[in-house]
Amino acid sequence: MRIKVTALLLFFAGSIVFAQGRSLEDLFPHMNQERREQILTGVLTEAREKDSNLYMQPAGEIGIKVSGLMTADLRPSCLVESLTVIPYLDKPVELLDIYNAMGKVRDLKGRLYHSFTRDENVPLFEDSTRVESPKRTRAIPDPAATYTLPRSDRIYVCLKDINFGNSYYQADISVEEYGLLYGLSNFKSLSYGIIPVIKEKKFNAQFYVEPLTEGVLVYSVAVAEVSDFIAGRINIPSAIRKRIEVILGWLIDNIAGS
């Protein structure tokens, strides 16, 4: 009986459609049915080496902007793209909800990834906090949810990475077309012990989030530039993919719970 009730709830939840503006067809006019079903039921992710071409970005101005941001001042050693649609449950999701979800930095702490070397799920980020600025990295709390959506915002984040130790990022949030763009770049080198793996500003990730008629679209792309020496010794595509999947999961959960 419980299984039948759960199935009915999922059916009705998946059937809810809100008038949010654009549709998947508007942003991805050439997407085939197989890919459409993949992103409506899960997360589609692709990782590539030494390829700066985007294959999954939305059409229109936002796709052009993201593409430009990813190639500016970088020669990508790897690129990771992801695409998914979060189904609506019982209410529409507004841009303000998404903005507040993006601000919950401390919720990144303790999120798990599967370590193949340990063969178990372990926290990727042992701690996560905002910091004052690139020059003053004192931890500060996340602010309370706001009732006003800013056109743009910039915050600084420290993630205590299981491999890279304290990793420092600049996050830029801006209103773009019908959605929000969340950009993430490292303002200090990501190092393994004393060895710099990804130098300052050589990692860039962009997350574009837009409420559609089918649900909340989340498109992400990340690139990293490393030396040939590092690329020959560390699986950079795998390292970037794990971090993007964890950050993407954090974003999806926060939006779904908004």
Protein backbone atom coordinates (compact mmCIF):
# COMPACT_ATOMS: atom_id res chain seq x y z
CA MET A 1 0.00 0.00 0.00
CA ARG A 2 2.79 2.42 0.91
CA ILE A 3 4.45 1.73 -2.46
CA LYS A 4 1.24 2.60 -4.31
CA VAL A 5 0.77 5.83 -2.36
CA THR A 6 4.40 6.83 -2.97
CA ALA A 7 4.04 6.10 -6.68
CA LEU A 8 0.92 8.25 -6.87
CA LEU A 9 2.63 11.12 -5.06
CA LEU A 10 5.60 10.96 -7.41
CA PHE A 11 3.26 10.84 -10.40
CA PHE A 12 1.35 13.93 -9.35
CA ALA A 13 4.53 15.75 -8.28
CA GLY A 14 6.08 15.05 -11.66
CA SER A 15 2.92 16.21 -13.41
CA ILE A 16 2.84 19.67 -11.81
CA VAL A 17 3.69 22.37 -14.33
CA PHE A 18 3.98 26.04 -13.44
CA ALA A 19 3.93 28.95 -15.85
CA GLN A 20 7.53 30.02 -15.37
CA GLY A 21 8.22 31.46 -18.81
CA ARG A 22 10.42 29.42 -21.11
CA SER A 23 10.49 25.69 -21.80
CA LEU A 24 13.19 23.12 -22.51
CA GLU A 25 12.30 23.42 -26.18
CA ASP A 26 13.10 27.14 -26.09
CA LEU A 27 16.57 26.63 -24.61
CA PHE A 28 17.43 23.33 -26.32
CA PRO A 29 15.56 23.29 -29.65
CA HIS A 30 17.70 20.49 -31.10
CA MET A 31 17.78 18.18 -28.07
CA ASN A 32 16.75 14.61 -28.89
CA GLN A 33 14.19 12.69 -26.85
CA GLU A 34 16.77 10.42 -25.19
CA ARG A 35 18.72 13.34 -23.74
CA ARG A 36 15.53 15.10 -22.76
CA GLU A 37 14.45 12.07 -20.72
CA GLN A 38 17.92 11.81 -19.15
CA ILE A 39 17.89 15.35 -17.78
CA LEU A 40 14.26 15.14 -16.65
CA THR A 41 14.98 12.00 -14.60
CA GLY A 42 18.59 12.54 -13.50
CA VAL A 43 21.82 14.41 -14.17
CA LEU A 44 23.59 14.19 -17.52
CA THR A 45 27.35 14.75 -17.11
CA GLU A 46 30.19 14.66 -19.64
CA ALA A 47 33.92 15.15 -18.97
CA ARG A 48 36.48 15.80 -21.70
CA GLU A 49 40.22 16.47 -21.86
CA LYS A 50 41.83 19.35 -23.79
CA ASP A 51 38.50 20.37 -25.33
CA SER A 52 37.05 23.82 -24.71
CA ASN A 53 33.95 23.31 -26.87
CA LEU A 54 30.58 23.34 -25.12
CA TYR A 55 27.99 20.83 -26.31
CA MET A 56 25.22 21.15 -23.72
CA GLN A 57 24.87 24.90 -23.12
CA PRO A 58 21.47 26.64 -23.50
CA ALA A 59 20.71 28.51 -26.71
CA GLY A 60 20.67 32.30 -26.91
CA GLU A 61 22.54 35.02 -25.07
CA ILE A 62 23.20 33.03 -21.90
CA GLY A 63 24.89 30.23 -23.85
CA ILE A 64 27.10 32.75 -25.64
CA LYS A 65 28.00 34.45 -22.36
CA VAL A 66 28.89 31.22 -20.57
CA SER A 67 31.00 30.07 -23.50
CA GLY A 68 32.94 33.35 -23.42
CA LEU A 69 33.49 33.14 -19.67
CA MET A 70 34.90 29.62 -19.91
CA THR A 71 37.53 30.40 -22.52
CA ALA A 72 38.67 33.82 -21.28
CA ASP A 73 42.31 33.68 -20.13
CA LEU A 74 42.26 29.88 -19.89
CA ARG A 75 43.56 26.99 -21.97
CA PRO A 76 41.43 24.18 -20.53
CA SER A 77 43.14 20.90 -19.72
CA CYS A 78 39.70 19.46 -19.06
CA LEU A 79 36.06 20.46 -19.24
CA VAL A 80 33.06 19.04 -17.37
CA GLU A 81 29.45 19.81 -18.38
CA SER A 82 26.28 18.82 -16.50
CA LEU A 83 22.59 19.34 -17.17
CA THR A 84 19.48 18.49 -15.18
CA VAL A 85 15.95 19.66 -14.44
CA ILE A 86 14.67 19.67 -10.86
CA PRO A 87 10.93 18.79 -10.87
CA TYR A 88 8.51 21.09 -9.10
CA LEU A 89 6.80 19.66 -6.04
CA ASP A 90 3.95 21.76 -4.68
CA LYS A 91 4.90 25.32 -5.62
CA PRO A 92 6.81 27.32 -8.22
CA VAL A 93 10.42 28.31 -7.60
CA GLU A 94 11.31 32.00 -7.90
CA LEU A 95 14.69 33.57 -8.62
CA LEU A 96 14.78 34.84 -5.04
CA ASP A 97 14.47 31.24 -3.79
CA ILE A 98 17.39 30.25 -6.01
CA TYR A 99 19.50 33.19 -4.83
CA ASN A 100 18.92 32.28 -1.18
CA ALA A 101 19.76 28.64 -1.96
CA MET A 102 23.06 29.74 -3.50
CA GLY A 103 23.91 31.62 -0.31
CA LYS A 104 23.90 28.59 2.01
CA VAL A 105 27.66 28.06 1.87
CA ARG A 106 27.90 26.18 5.18
CA ASP A 107 25.63 23.45 3.80
CA LEU A 108 28.50 22.28 1.58
CA LYS A 109 30.27 20.93 4.67
CA GLY A 110 30.22 17.16 4.94
CA ARG A 111 28.71 16.41 1.54
CA LEU A 112 29.86 13.00 0.34
CA TYR A 113 31.54 11.62 -2.76
CA HIS A 114 32.59 8.07 -3.54
CA SER A 115 36.33 7.51 -3.07
CA PHE A 116 37.44 4.65 -5.30
CA THR A 117 40.79 4.38 -3.50
CA ARG A 118 39.01 3.89 -0.16
CA ASP A 119 35.93 2.23 -1.70
CA GLU A 120 33.60 4.24 0.50
CA ASN A 121 31.70 7.51 0.62
CA VAL A 122 33.66 10.26 2.36
CA PRO A 123 33.15 14.01 2.86
CA LEU A 124 34.75 16.02 0.06
CA PHE A 125 34.63 19.27 2.00
CA GLU A 126 35.41 18.85 5.69
CA ASP A 127 34.42 22.45 6.32
CA SER A 128 32.81 25.23 4.31
CA THR A 129 32.44 28.89 5.17
CA ARG A 130 32.31 32.39 3.79
CA VAL A 131 35.35 34.58 4.33
CA GLU A 132 35.63 38.36 4.45
CA SER A 133 37.83 38.96 1.40
CA PRO A 134 40.82 37.59 -0.52
CA LYS A 135 43.17 39.51 1.77
CA ARG A 136 41.29 38.85 5.02
CA THR A 137 40.23 35.20 5.11
CA ARG A 138 38.50 35.27 8.48
CA ALA A 139 35.39 33.08 8.54
CA ILE A 140 32.03 34.86 8.61
CA PRO A 141 28.52 33.39 8.90
CA ASP A 142 26.04 33.01 6.08
CA PRO A 143 23.50 35.85 6.21
CA ALA A 144 19.81 35.26 6.81
CA ALA A 145 17.61 34.77 3.77
CA THR A 146 16.90 38.02 1.97
CA TYR A 147 13.56 39.27 0.65
CA THR A 148 15.11 41.37 -2.12
CA LEU A 149 16.90 39.96 -5.15
CA PRO A 150 20.08 41.90 -6.03
CA ARG A 151 21.11 42.25 -9.66
CA SER A 152 24.58 41.00 -8.73
CA ASP A 153 26.53 39.84 -5.69
CA ARG A 154 30.04 38.66 -4.88
CA ILE A 155 31.11 36.48 -1.98
CA TYR A 156 34.31 34.69 -0.97
CA VAL A 157 34.39 31.08 0.14
CA CYS A 158 36.83 28.72 1.87
CA LEU A 159 36.30 25.00 1.32
CA LYS A 160 38.45 22.62 3.37
CA ASP A 161 39.02 20.10 0.59
CA ILE A 162 39.94 16.51 1.45
CA ASN A 163 42.78 16.65 -1.13
CA PHE A 164 43.60 20.33 -1.58
CA GLY A 165 43.21 21.51 2.01
CA ASN A 166 41.90 25.05 2.46
CA SER A 167 40.74 26.15 -1.00
CA TYR A 168 39.66 29.72 -1.61
CA TYR A 169 37.10 30.80 -4.19
CA GLN A 170 35.35 33.90 -5.42
CA ALA A 171 31.65 33.39 -6.19
CA ASP A 172 29.80 35.84 -8.43
CA ILE A 173 26.01 35.72 -8.65
CA SER A 174 24.15 37.72 -11.28
CA VAL A 175 20.71 37.93 -12.85
CA GLU A 176 20.96 36.87 -16.50
CA GLU A 177 17.95 36.82 -18.83
CA TYR A 178 15.40 34.63 -17.03
CA GLY A 179 17.74 33.00 -14.53
CA LEU A 180 20.72 33.32 -12.21
CA LEU A 181 24.36 32.70 -13.06
CA TYR A 182 26.68 31.48 -10.28
CA GLY A 183 30.36 31.74 -11.19
CA LEU A 184 33.14 30.18 -9.14
CA SER A 185 36.89 30.75 -9.55
CA ASN A 186 39.89 30.12 -7.28
CA PHE A 187 41.68 33.22 -6.00
CA LYS A 188 44.48 31.10 -4.51
CA SER A 189 46.24 28.06 -5.93
CA LEU A 190 44.73 24.65 -5.22
CA SER A 191 47.63 22.63 -3.84
CA TYR A 192 48.33 19.04 -2.88
CA GLY A 193 50.62 19.49 0.10
CA ILE A 194 53.26 21.96 -1.09
CA ILE A 195 52.66 21.25 -4.80
CA PRO A 196 50.39 23.70 -6.66
CA VAL A 197 48.00 21.65 -8.80
CA ILE A 198 45.69 24.35 -10.18
CA LYS A 199 47.21 27.81 -10.05
CA GLU A 200 45.38 30.98 -9.06
CA LYS A 201 42.41 31.77 -11.36
CA LYS A 202 43.02 28.65 -13.45
CA PHE A 203 39.77 27.01 -12.33
CA ASN A 204 36.43 28.38 -13.50
CA ALA A 205 32.92 26.99 -13.06
CA GLN A 206 29.58 28.47 -14.09
CA PHE A 207 26.16 27.31 -12.92
CA TYR A 208 23.13 28.68 -14.76
CA VAL A 209 19.76 28.14 -13.06
CA GLU A 210 16.40 29.04 -14.60
CA PRO A 211 12.81 28.07 -13.70
CA LEU A 212 11.20 26.49 -16.78
CA THR A 213 7.73 25.11 -17.39
CA GLU A 214 9.05 21.56 -16.78
CA GLY A 215 11.05 22.36 -13.64
CA VAL A 216 14.19 24.22 -12.59
CA LEU A 217 16.99 23.93 -15.14
CA VAL A 218 20.53 23.64 -13.76
CA TYR A 219 23.33 23.77 -16.33
CA SER A 220 26.93 23.71 -15.16
CA VAL A 221 30.30 23.78 -16.86
CA ALA A 222 33.75 23.77 -15.29
CA VAL A 223 37.24 24.05 -16.75
CA ALA A 224 40.72 23.80 -15.26
CA GLU A 225 44.12 24.58 -16.72
CA VAL A 226 47.09 22.60 -15.40
CA SER A 227 50.64 21.94 -16.58
CA ASP A 228 51.48 18.84 -18.60
CA PHE A 229 53.53 17.66 -15.61
CA ILE A 230 50.46 17.74 -13.35
CA ALA A 231 48.14 16.33 -16.04
CA GLY A 232 50.44 13.32 -16.41
CA ARG A 233 50.29 12.51 -12.70
CA ILE A 234 46.79 13.47 -11.54
CA ASN A 235 43.48 12.55 -13.15
CA ILE A 236 42.29 16.15 -13.42
CA PRO A 237 38.98 15.40 -15.25
CA SER A 238 38.01 13.02 -12.44
CA ALA A 239 39.05 15.51 -9.74
CA ILE A 240 37.04 18.34 -11.30
CA ARG A 241 34.05 16.11 -11.98
CA LYS A 242 33.84 14.98 -8.34
CA ARG A 243 33.88 18.55 -7.07
CA ILE A 244 31.32 19.75 -9.59
CA GLU A 245 29.02 16.83 -8.78
CA VAL A 246 29.18 17.63 -5.06
CA ILE A 247 28.56 21.36 -5.62
CA LEU A 248 25.79 20.56 -8.08
CA GLY A 249 24.16 18.20 -5.57
CA TRP A 250 24.34 20.92 -2.90
CA LEU A 251 22.70 23.41 -5.25
CA ILE A 252 19.98 20.97 -6.34
CA ASP A 253 19.12 19.99 -2.76
CA ASN A 254 18.97 23.61 -1.60
CA ILE A 255 16.74 24.63 -4.51
CA ALA A 256 14.47 21.61 -4.08
CA GLY A 257 14.13 22.42 -0.37
CA SER A 258 13.47 26.13 -0.88
